[in-house]
Structure formats: structure tokens, C-alpha cells
């Protein structure tokens, strides 16, 4: 058997070195791994009231709707059309089904299940960078407030940080944040004003504190947002 020449041995070693490099260097196999990945999503969850609490609020709301439908569509007409019962009994039955629905709808309307914030790519690289960005947010920062509608479904209201003002505590007031946007209200059509109750618009919100932040994707961010809302003149 003839011995291999120096050039053949040299070429063989170089080829083995290249194969070795390609196997153990992942950046040569997949160059995309060298690019940094954002640590947080663009639509960042910064507050979550809790699934159980949200489901409870939705269940109470839809229960009052069923009560209203039962008393108004079934019980009240029975007394109104009965030949043996007085007709006036239908009135308190209708009130019995209507009042709880209106009270629950009014009291639970400000309840916020989740709050999401739109975050630019440059502020999503790490937690430290995110907190520095949130310490001085632009007033055009987009926020999504998710509330619960009367039928139990969720409703998302998109707004900006500059539209929000803190509400001063007052007896009977459940909300702690109000949306101030007179331009949007001025541009509403007559049909939009007449069908407001169908769309259930939200301009007052109640957002809790520490517990909702712990369930969020980035604890501490909502507190920074809330501090910037409180810096503005509060609404009476």
C-alpha cells in the first residue's frame, strides 16, 4: 500500500476541520440565531384581573339578563293575559327583572379584566430596557382595556395614554380612570348616539393593583403607567 502524499494528507485535514466547524458552530448552520429575539411581545399584557374573577362578573351579568327575559317575556304576559289574575301584577314582575339587570350593568361596567400595551421593538429586548421605557411613556402609547359586556362576552376598548385621567374617589363611584376624548364624541353621528346602548361604549374603568400586576406578562409595568396617569389633573 502506497503512503499518501503530503498534499493529500493536508487536504484531508482541512476538509475534516471544515466539517468539524460546520457541525459544532450553529451560527454557520442557521444564521438567524445570531439576531436578537425580543423578550416581550408587541401587544404586552400588563394587567390581568384573574380568570375566576372575570368569569364571575360575566356570570352575574348574564344571570340578570336571563332574569329580565324570564320575567318580561314569560311571567309578566301570563298575568297580563290571565282572566283570573289582576293585570297590575305584571308591572312589579317587569320591575323585578329589569332593576337587577340595570344595577348590575351599571356597577360592573367599569371592571377591567385585562390591559394590554403596544410596545416598540427597541423596548422589548430585556426587562431593564422595558422598565426604563415605561418610566417615561409617550402620550400616544396605545392601550387596550378589556371589559365584560352585559351578555358576558368581552369588549376591547383601544385608547391612548394621553386620553386617560385619574378619577378622584367618591361615594358611589367604582371607576378610578376616565377617558377624556371630546373630539371622538363630537364626531359621533346621530345613529351612533341612538345605538349607544347596543355598543356599550366604555369611558370609565376600574383597574385594580398588585394582584392584577402579578398575573401580567411584565409585573411592575402597570404601576409605572398608573403613576403617569395620576400625574395629570384628576377628574372630579
C-alpha atoms as a PDB file:
ATOM      1  CA  UNK A   1       0.000   0.000   0.000  1.00  0.00           C
ATOM      2  CA  UNK A   2       1.476   3.352  -1.074  1.00  0.00           C
ATOM      3  CA  UNK A   3       1.732   6.110   1.540  1.00  0.00           C
ATOM      4  CA  UNK A   4      -0.370   9.200   0.935  1.00  0.00           C
ATOM      5  CA  UNK A   5       1.385  12.301  -0.239  1.00  0.00           C
ATOM      6  CA  UNK A   6       1.737  15.424   1.866  1.00  0.00           C
ATOM      7  CA  UNK A   7      -0.770  17.355  -0.274  1.00  0.00           C
ATOM      8  CA  UNK A   8      -3.402  14.640   0.054  1.00  0.00           C
ATOM      9  CA  UNK A   9      -2.974  14.484   3.842  1.00  0.00           C
ATOM     10  CA  UNK A  10      -3.122  18.283   4.099  1.00  0.00           C
ATOM     11  CA  UNK A  11      -6.317  18.478   2.016  1.00  0.00           C
ATOM     12  CA  UNK A  12      -7.914  15.715   4.093  1.00  0.00           C
ATOM     13  CA  UNK A  13      -7.179  17.535   7.376  1.00  0.00           C
ATOM     14  CA  UNK A  14      -8.527  20.815   6.021  1.00  0.00           C
ATOM     15  CA  UNK A  15     -11.744  19.087   4.887  1.00  0.00           C
ATOM     16  CA  UNK A  16     -12.171  17.471   8.329  1.00  0.00           C
ATOM     17  CA  UNK A  17     -11.647  20.824  10.029  1.00  0.00           C
ATOM     18  CA  UNK A  18     -14.328  22.430   7.833  1.00  0.00           C
ATOM     19  CA  UNK A  19     -16.792  19.628   8.575  1.00  0.00           C
ATOM     20  CA  UNK A  20     -15.990  19.875  12.280  1.00  0.00           C
ATOM     21  CA  UNK A  21     -16.621  23.640  12.221  1.00  0.00           C
ATOM     22  CA  UNK A  22     -19.918  23.289  10.387  1.00  0.00           C
ATOM     23  CA  UNK A  23     -21.170  20.660  12.821  1.00  0.00           C
ATOM     24  CA  UNK A  24     -20.345  22.428  16.077  1.00  0.00           C
ATOM     25  CA  UNK A  25     -20.908  26.054  15.051  1.00  0.00           C
ATOM     26  CA  UNK A  26     -24.676  26.647  14.986  1.00  0.00           C
ATOM     27  CA  UNK A  27     -24.271  30.154  13.573  1.00  0.00           C
ATOM     28  CA  UNK A  28     -22.988  28.676  10.313  1.00  0.00           C
ATOM     29  CA  UNK A  29     -25.916  26.271  10.121  1.00  0.00           C
ATOM     30  CA  UNK A  30     -28.640  28.808  10.947  1.00  0.00           C
ATOM     31  CA  UNK A  31     -27.535  32.446  10.646  1.00  0.00           C
ATOM     32  CA  UNK A  32     -30.887  33.675  12.053  1.00  0.00           C
ATOM     33  CA  UNK A  33     -29.758  32.526  15.509  1.00  0.00           C
ATOM     34  CA  UNK A  34     -27.299  35.425  15.607  1.00  0.00           C
ATOM     35  CA  UNK A  35     -30.122  38.014  15.548  1.00  0.00           C
ATOM     36  CA  UNK A  36     -31.552  39.074  18.937  1.00  0.00           C
ATOM     37  CA  UNK A  37     -35.074  37.948  19.767  1.00  0.00           C
ATOM     38  CA  UNK A  38     -37.471  40.306  21.645  1.00  0.00           C
ATOM     39  CA  UNK A  39     -38.038  39.224  25.223  1.00  0.00           C
ATOM     40  CA  UNK A  40     -41.653  40.518  25.158  1.00  0.00           C
ATOM     41  CA  UNK A  41     -44.447  40.523  22.548  1.00  0.00           C
ATOM     42  CA  UNK A  42     -45.577  43.687  20.793  1.00  0.00           C
ATOM     43  CA  UNK A  43     -49.011  43.562  22.477  1.00  0.00           C
ATOM     44  CA  UNK A  44     -47.851  43.143  26.070  1.00  0.00           C
ATOM     45  CA  UNK A  45     -50.192  42.016  28.855  1.00  0.00           C
ATOM     46  CA  UNK A  46     -49.552  44.419  31.750  1.00  0.00           C
ATOM     47  CA  UNK A  47     -52.631  43.719  33.907  1.00  0.00           C
ATOM     48  CA  UNK A  48     -54.846  40.657  34.428  1.00  0.00           C
ATOM     49  CA  UNK A  49     -57.660  40.712  36.990  1.00  0.00           C
ATOM     50  CA  UNK A  50     -57.876  36.910  37.009  1.00  0.00           C
ATOM     51  CA  UNK A  51     -59.848  34.335  35.076  1.00  0.00           C
ATOM     52  CA  UNK A  52     -62.044  33.393  38.050  1.00  0.00           C
ATOM     53  CA  UNK A  53     -62.989  36.990  38.831  1.00  0.00           C
ATOM     54  CA  UNK A  54     -63.703  37.765  35.170  1.00  0.00           C
ATOM     55  CA  UNK A  55     -65.855  34.645  34.819  1.00  0.00           C
ATOM     56  CA  UNK A  56     -67.766  35.564  37.996  1.00  0.00           C
ATOM     57  CA  UNK A  57     -68.544  39.056  36.711  1.00  0.00           C
ATOM     58  CA  UNK A  58     -69.669  37.640  33.361  1.00  0.00           C
ATOM     59  CA  UNK A  59     -71.870  35.030  35.052  1.00  0.00           C
ATOM     60  CA  UNK A  60     -73.587  37.629  37.232  1.00  0.00           C
ATOM     61  CA  UNK A  61     -74.239  39.845  34.228  1.00  0.00           C
ATOM     62  CA  UNK A  62     -75.753  37.126  32.060  1.00  0.00           C
ATOM     63  CA  UNK A  63     -77.831  35.814  35.000  1.00  0.00           C
ATOM     64  CA  UNK A  64     -79.567  39.179  35.282  1.00  0.00           C
ATOM     65  CA  UNK A  65     -80.235  39.101  31.527  1.00  0.00           C
ATOM     66  CA  UNK A  66     -81.928  35.705  31.853  1.00  0.00           C
ATOM     67  CA  UNK A  67     -83.928  37.016  34.825  1.00  0.00           C
ATOM     68  CA  UNK A  68     -85.053  40.010  32.786  1.00  0.00           C
ATOM     69  CA  UNK A  69     -86.016  37.823  29.817  1.00  0.00           C
ATOM     70  CA  UNK A  70     -87.894  35.349  32.013  1.00  0.00           C
ATOM     71  CA  UNK A  71     -89.969  37.896  33.891  1.00  0.00           C
ATOM     72  CA  UNK A  72     -90.619  40.174  30.898  1.00  0.00           C
ATOM     73  CA  UNK A  73     -91.288  37.620  28.164  1.00  0.00           C
ATOM     74  CA  UNK A  74     -92.921  34.810  30.142  1.00  0.00           C
ATOM     75  CA  UNK A  75     -94.103  35.696  33.656  1.00  0.00           C
ATOM     76  CA  UNK A  76     -95.468  39.202  33.018  1.00  0.00           C
ATOM     77  CA  UNK A  77     -97.536  38.277  29.916  1.00  0.00           C
ATOM     78  CA  UNK A  78     -99.085  35.415  31.893  1.00  0.00           C
ATOM     79  CA  UNK A  79    -100.602  37.859  34.392  1.00  0.00           C
ATOM     80  CA  UNK A  80    -101.449  40.412  31.696  1.00  0.00           C
ATOM     81  CA  UNK A  81    -103.470  37.893  29.679  1.00  0.00           C
ATOM     82  CA  UNK A  82    -104.923  35.958  32.597  1.00  0.00           C
ATOM     83  CA  UNK A  83    -108.657  36.186  33.182  1.00  0.00           C
ATOM     84  CA  UNK A  84    -108.384  35.358  36.886  1.00  0.00           C
ATOM     85  CA  UNK A  85    -105.347  37.429  37.926  1.00  0.00           C
ATOM     86  CA  UNK A  86    -105.236  41.251  38.059  1.00  0.00           C
ATOM     87  CA  UNK A  87    -103.290  42.896  35.251  1.00  0.00           C
ATOM     88  CA  UNK A  88    -101.344  45.213  37.571  1.00  0.00           C
ATOM     89  CA  UNK A  89     -99.264  42.264  38.835  1.00  0.00           C
ATOM     90  CA  UNK A  90     -97.363  42.269  35.558  1.00  0.00           C
ATOM     91  CA  UNK A  91     -95.807  45.668  36.402  1.00  0.00           C
ATOM     92  CA  UNK A  92     -93.867  44.621  39.539  1.00  0.00           C
ATOM     93  CA  UNK A  93     -92.740  41.474  37.728  1.00  0.00           C
ATOM     94  CA  UNK A  94     -91.240  43.536  34.928  1.00  0.00           C
ATOM     95  CA  UNK A  95     -89.551  45.797  37.503  1.00  0.00           C
ATOM     96  CA  UNK A  96     -88.262  42.733  39.357  1.00  0.00           C
ATOM     97  CA  UNK A  97     -86.467  41.591  36.236  1.00  0.00           C
ATOM     98  CA  UNK A  98     -85.350  44.999  34.953  1.00  0.00           C
ATOM     99  CA  UNK A  99     -83.923  46.662  38.068  1.00  0.00           C
ATOM    100  CA  UNK A 100     -81.297  43.972  38.898  1.00  0.00           C
ATOM    101  CA  UNK A 101     -80.075  43.992  35.301  1.00  0.00           C
ATOM    102  CA  UNK A 102     -79.670  47.777  35.245  1.00  0.00           C
ATOM    103  CA  UNK A 103     -77.967  47.898  38.646  1.00  0.00           C
ATOM    104  CA  UNK A 104     -75.516  45.108  37.835  1.00  0.00           C
ATOM    105  CA  UNK A 105     -74.793  46.564  34.406  1.00  0.00           C
ATOM    106  CA  UNK A 106     -74.026  49.989  35.924  1.00  0.00           C
ATOM    107  CA  UNK A 107     -71.912  48.674  38.789  1.00  0.00           C
ATOM    108  CA  UNK A 108     -69.806  46.194  36.806  1.00  0.00           C
ATOM    109  CA  UNK A 109     -69.361  48.216  33.606  1.00  0.00           C
ATOM    110  CA  UNK A 110     -66.001  49.775  34.688  1.00  0.00           C
ATOM    111  CA  UNK A 111     -64.499  46.404  35.661  1.00  0.00           C
ATOM    112  CA  UNK A 112     -61.351  45.778  33.576  1.00  0.00           C
ATOM    113  CA  UNK A 113     -60.333  42.168  33.002  1.00  0.00           C
ATOM    114  CA  UNK A 114     -57.047  42.814  31.165  1.00  0.00           C
ATOM    115  CA  UNK A 115     -54.892  45.687  29.964  1.00  0.00           C
ATOM    116  CA  UNK A 116     -52.522  45.325  27.011  1.00  0.00           C
ATOM    117  CA  UNK A 117     -49.932  47.876  25.896  1.00  0.00           C
ATOM    118  CA  UNK A 118     -48.291  48.275  22.494  1.00  0.00           C
ATOM    119  CA  UNK A 119     -44.506  48.257  22.934  1.00  0.00           C
ATOM    120  CA  UNK A 120     -41.952  49.175  20.224  1.00  0.00           C
ATOM    121  CA  UNK A 121     -39.250  46.696  19.270  1.00  0.00           C
ATOM    122  CA  UNK A 122     -36.432  48.703  20.857  1.00  0.00           C
ATOM    123  CA  UNK A 123     -38.096  48.500  24.286  1.00  0.00           C
ATOM    124  CA  UNK A 124     -38.716  44.736  24.184  1.00  0.00           C
ATOM    125  CA  UNK A 125     -35.159  43.439  24.357  1.00  0.00           C
ATOM    126  CA  UNK A 126     -34.989  42.989  28.153  1.00  0.00           C
ATOM    127  CA  UNK A 127     -36.859  43.770  31.363  1.00  0.00           C
ATOM    128  CA  UNK A 128     -34.475  46.570  32.316  1.00  0.00           C
ATOM    129  CA  UNK A 129     -34.948  48.296  28.954  1.00  0.00           C
ATOM    130  CA  UNK A 130     -38.717  47.818  29.166  1.00  0.00           C
ATOM    131  CA  UNK A 131     -38.939  49.420  32.614  1.00  0.00           C
ATOM    132  CA  UNK A 132     -36.811  52.368  31.522  1.00  0.00           C
ATOM    133  CA  UNK A 133     -39.097  52.904  28.560  1.00  0.00           C
ATOM    134  CA  UNK A 134     -42.251  52.656  30.688  1.00  0.00           C
ATOM    135  CA  UNK A 135     -40.907  55.159  33.222  1.00  0.00           C
ATOM    136  CA  UNK A 136     -41.453  57.925  30.644  1.00  0.00           C
ATOM    137  CA  UNK A 137     -44.049  56.718  28.164  1.00  0.00           C
ATOM    138  CA  UNK A 138     -45.128  58.801  25.157  1.00  0.00           C
ATOM    139  CA  UNK A 139     -48.676  60.126  25.443  1.00  0.00           C
ATOM    140  CA  UNK A 140     -49.548  58.355  22.178  1.00  0.00           C
ATOM    141  CA  UNK A 141     -48.816  54.928  23.674  1.00  0.00           C
ATOM    142  CA  UNK A 142     -51.673  52.588  22.707  1.00  0.00           C
ATOM    143  CA  UNK A 143     -53.539  50.669  25.416  1.00  0.00           C
ATOM    144  CA  UNK A 144     -56.282  48.050  25.108  1.00  0.00           C
ATOM    145  CA  UNK A 145     -58.746  47.843  28.012  1.00  0.00           C
ATOM    146  CA  UNK A 146     -60.826  44.653  28.008  1.00  0.00           C
ATOM    147  CA  UNK A 147     -64.132  44.784  29.913  1.00  0.00           C
ATOM    148  CA  UNK A 148     -67.109  42.435  30.197  1.00  0.00           C
ATOM    149  CA  UNK A 149     -70.303  43.189  28.264  1.00  0.00           C
ATOM    150  CA  UNK A 150     -73.829  42.687  29.567  1.00  0.00           C
ATOM    151  CA  UNK A 151     -74.194  39.320  27.810  1.00  0.00           C
ATOM    152  CA  UNK A 152     -70.960  38.037  29.364  1.00  0.00           C
ATOM    153  CA  UNK A 153     -68.738  38.498  26.300  1.00  0.00           C
ATOM    154  CA  UNK A 154     -65.594  40.598  26.402  1.00  0.00           C
ATOM    155  CA  UNK A 155     -65.257  44.046  24.861  1.00  0.00           C
ATOM    156  CA  UNK A 156     -61.929  45.708  23.990  1.00  0.00           C
ATOM    157  CA  UNK A 157     -61.592  49.500  24.046  1.00  0.00           C
ATOM    158  CA  UNK A 158     -58.484  50.877  22.343  1.00  0.00           C
ATOM    159  CA  UNK A 159     -57.206  54.250  23.504  1.00  0.00           C
ATOM    160  CA  UNK A 160     -54.011  56.170  24.183  1.00  0.00           C
ATOM    161  CA  UNK A 161     -52.267  57.121  27.397  1.00  0.00           C
ATOM    162  CA  UNK A 162     -52.879  60.803  26.731  1.00  0.00           C
ATOM    163  CA  UNK A 163     -56.655  60.285  26.892  1.00  0.00           C
ATOM    164  CA  UNK A 164     -56.663  58.854  30.420  1.00  0.00           C
ATOM    165  CA  UNK A 165     -57.226  60.782  33.635  1.00  0.00           C
ATOM    166  CA  UNK A 166     -57.465  59.559  37.210  1.00  0.00           C
ATOM    167  CA  UNK A 167     -60.845  59.809  38.943  1.00  0.00           C
ATOM    168  CA  UNK A 168     -60.976  61.064  42.494  1.00  0.00           C
ATOM    169  CA  UNK A 169     -62.544  58.661  44.991  1.00  0.00           C
ATOM    170  CA  UNK A 170     -66.170  59.494  45.715  1.00  0.00           C
ATOM    171  CA  UNK A 171     -69.057  57.745  47.395  1.00  0.00           C
ATOM    172  CA  UNK A 172     -70.843  55.519  44.922  1.00  0.00           C
ATOM    173  CA  UNK A 173     -68.076  55.799  42.325  1.00  0.00           C
ATOM    174  CA  UNK A 174     -66.493  52.482  41.361  1.00  0.00           C
ATOM    175  CA  UNK A 175     -64.228  53.597  38.497  1.00  0.00           C
ATOM    176  CA  UNK A 176     -60.769  55.070  39.076  1.00  0.00           C
ATOM    177  CA  UNK A 177     -59.873  56.025  35.461  1.00  0.00           C
ATOM    178  CA  UNK A 178     -61.790  58.058  32.888  1.00  0.00           C
ATOM    179  CA  UNK A 179     -61.227  58.504  29.168  1.00  0.00           C
ATOM    180  CA  UNK A 180     -61.251  62.142  28.099  1.00  0.00           C
ATOM    181  CA  UNK A 181     -61.735  62.469  24.340  1.00  0.00           C
ATOM    182  CA  UNK A 182     -64.143  65.226  23.368  1.00  0.00           C
ATOM    183  CA  UNK A 183     -63.138  65.069  19.681  1.00  0.00           C
ATOM    184  CA  UNK A 184     -64.375  61.492  19.309  1.00  0.00           C
ATOM    185  CA  UNK A 185     -67.683  62.368  20.986  1.00  0.00           C
ATOM    186  CA  UNK A 186     -68.134  65.396  18.748  1.00  0.00           C
ATOM    187  CA  UNK A 187     -67.690  63.315  15.579  1.00  0.00           C
ATOM    188  CA  UNK A 188     -70.358  60.779  16.508  1.00  0.00           C
ATOM    189  CA  UNK A 189     -73.322  60.556  14.147  1.00  0.00           C
ATOM    190  CA  UNK A 190     -76.961  60.685  15.226  1.00  0.00           C
ATOM    191  CA  UNK A 191     -77.301  56.945  14.603  1.00  0.00           C
ATOM    192  CA  UNK A 192     -74.266  56.261  16.800  1.00  0.00           C
ATOM    193  CA  UNK A 193     -75.816  58.277  19.607  1.00  0.00           C
ATOM    194  CA  UNK A 194     -79.124  56.407  19.338  1.00  0.00           C
ATOM    195  CA  UNK A 195     -77.477  52.961  19.324  1.00  0.00           C
ATOM    196  CA  UNK A 196     -75.042  53.674  22.141  1.00  0.00           C
ATOM    197  CA  UNK A 197     -76.686  51.140  24.467  1.00  0.00           C
ATOM    198  CA  UNK A 198     -76.119  48.382  21.889  1.00  0.00           C
ATOM    199  CA  UNK A 199     -72.382  49.034  21.569  1.00  0.00           C
ATOM    200  CA  UNK A 200     -71.862  49.559  25.312  1.00  0.00           C
ATOM    201  CA  UNK A 201     -69.104  52.182  24.976  1.00  0.00           C
ATOM    202  CA  UNK A 202     -66.642  52.496  27.833  1.00  0.00           C
ATOM    203  CA  UNK A 203     -65.241  55.790  29.061  1.00  0.00           C
ATOM    204  CA  UNK A 204     -64.809  54.876  32.747  1.00  0.00           C
ATOM    205  CA  UNK A 205     -62.695  51.984  34.002  1.00  0.00           C
ATOM    206  CA  UNK A 206     -61.705  50.300  37.220  1.00  0.00           C
ATOM    207  CA  UNK A 207     -58.224  48.760  37.268  1.00  0.00           C
ATOM    208  CA  UNK A 208     -57.016  47.110  40.495  1.00  0.00           C
ATOM    209  CA  UNK A 209     -53.477  46.943  41.770  1.00  0.00           C
ATOM    210  CA  UNK A 210     -50.887  44.423  42.875  1.00  0.00           C
ATOM    211  CA  UNK A 211     -52.800  41.189  42.232  1.00  0.00           C
ATOM    212  CA  UNK A 212     -53.505  42.100  38.628  1.00  0.00           C
ATOM    213  CA  UNK A 213     -49.860  43.011  38.061  1.00  0.00           C
ATOM    214  CA  UNK A 214     -48.612  39.659  39.376  1.00  0.00           C
ATOM    215  CA  UNK A 215     -50.671  37.824  36.755  1.00  0.00           C
ATOM    216  CA  UNK A 216     -49.347  40.005  33.945  1.00  0.00           C
ATOM    217  CA  UNK A 217     -46.561  39.245  31.497  1.00  0.00           C
ATOM    218  CA  UNK A 218     -44.411  42.063  32.914  1.00  0.00           C
ATOM    219  CA  UNK A 219     -45.037  42.831  36.623  1.00  0.00           C
ATOM    220  CA  UNK A 220     -44.346  46.452  37.526  1.00  0.00           C
ATOM    221  CA  UNK A 221     -45.235  47.960  34.166  1.00  0.00           C
ATOM    222  CA  UNK A 222     -48.839  48.822  35.045  1.00  0.00           C
ATOM    223  CA  UNK A 223     -47.655  50.618  38.190  1.00  0.00           C
ATOM    224  CA  UNK A 224     -45.458  52.860  36.029  1.00  0.00           C
ATOM    225  CA  UNK A 225     -48.376  53.514  33.689  1.00  0.00           C
ATOM    226  CA  UNK A 226     -50.696  54.304  36.613  1.00  0.00           C
ATOM    227  CA  UNK A 227     -48.177  56.759  38.105  1.00  0.00           C
ATOM    228  CA  UNK A 228     -48.090  58.692  34.829  1.00  0.00           C
ATOM    229  CA  UNK A 229     -51.892  58.791  34.711  1.00  0.00           C
ATOM    230  CA  UNK A 230     -52.008  60.140  38.262  1.00  0.00           C
ATOM    231  CA  UNK A 231     -49.575  62.949  37.409  1.00  0.00           C
ATOM    232  CA  UNK A 232     -52.252  64.597  35.282  1.00  0.00           C
ATOM    233  CA  UNK A 233     -55.024  66.722  36.827  1.00  0.00           C
ATOM    234  CA  UNK A 234     -57.589  64.372  38.339  1.00  0.00           C
ATOM    235  CA  UNK A 235     -61.225  64.429  37.302  1.00  0.00           C
ATOM    236  CA  UNK A 236     -63.774  65.204  39.999  1.00  0.00           C
END
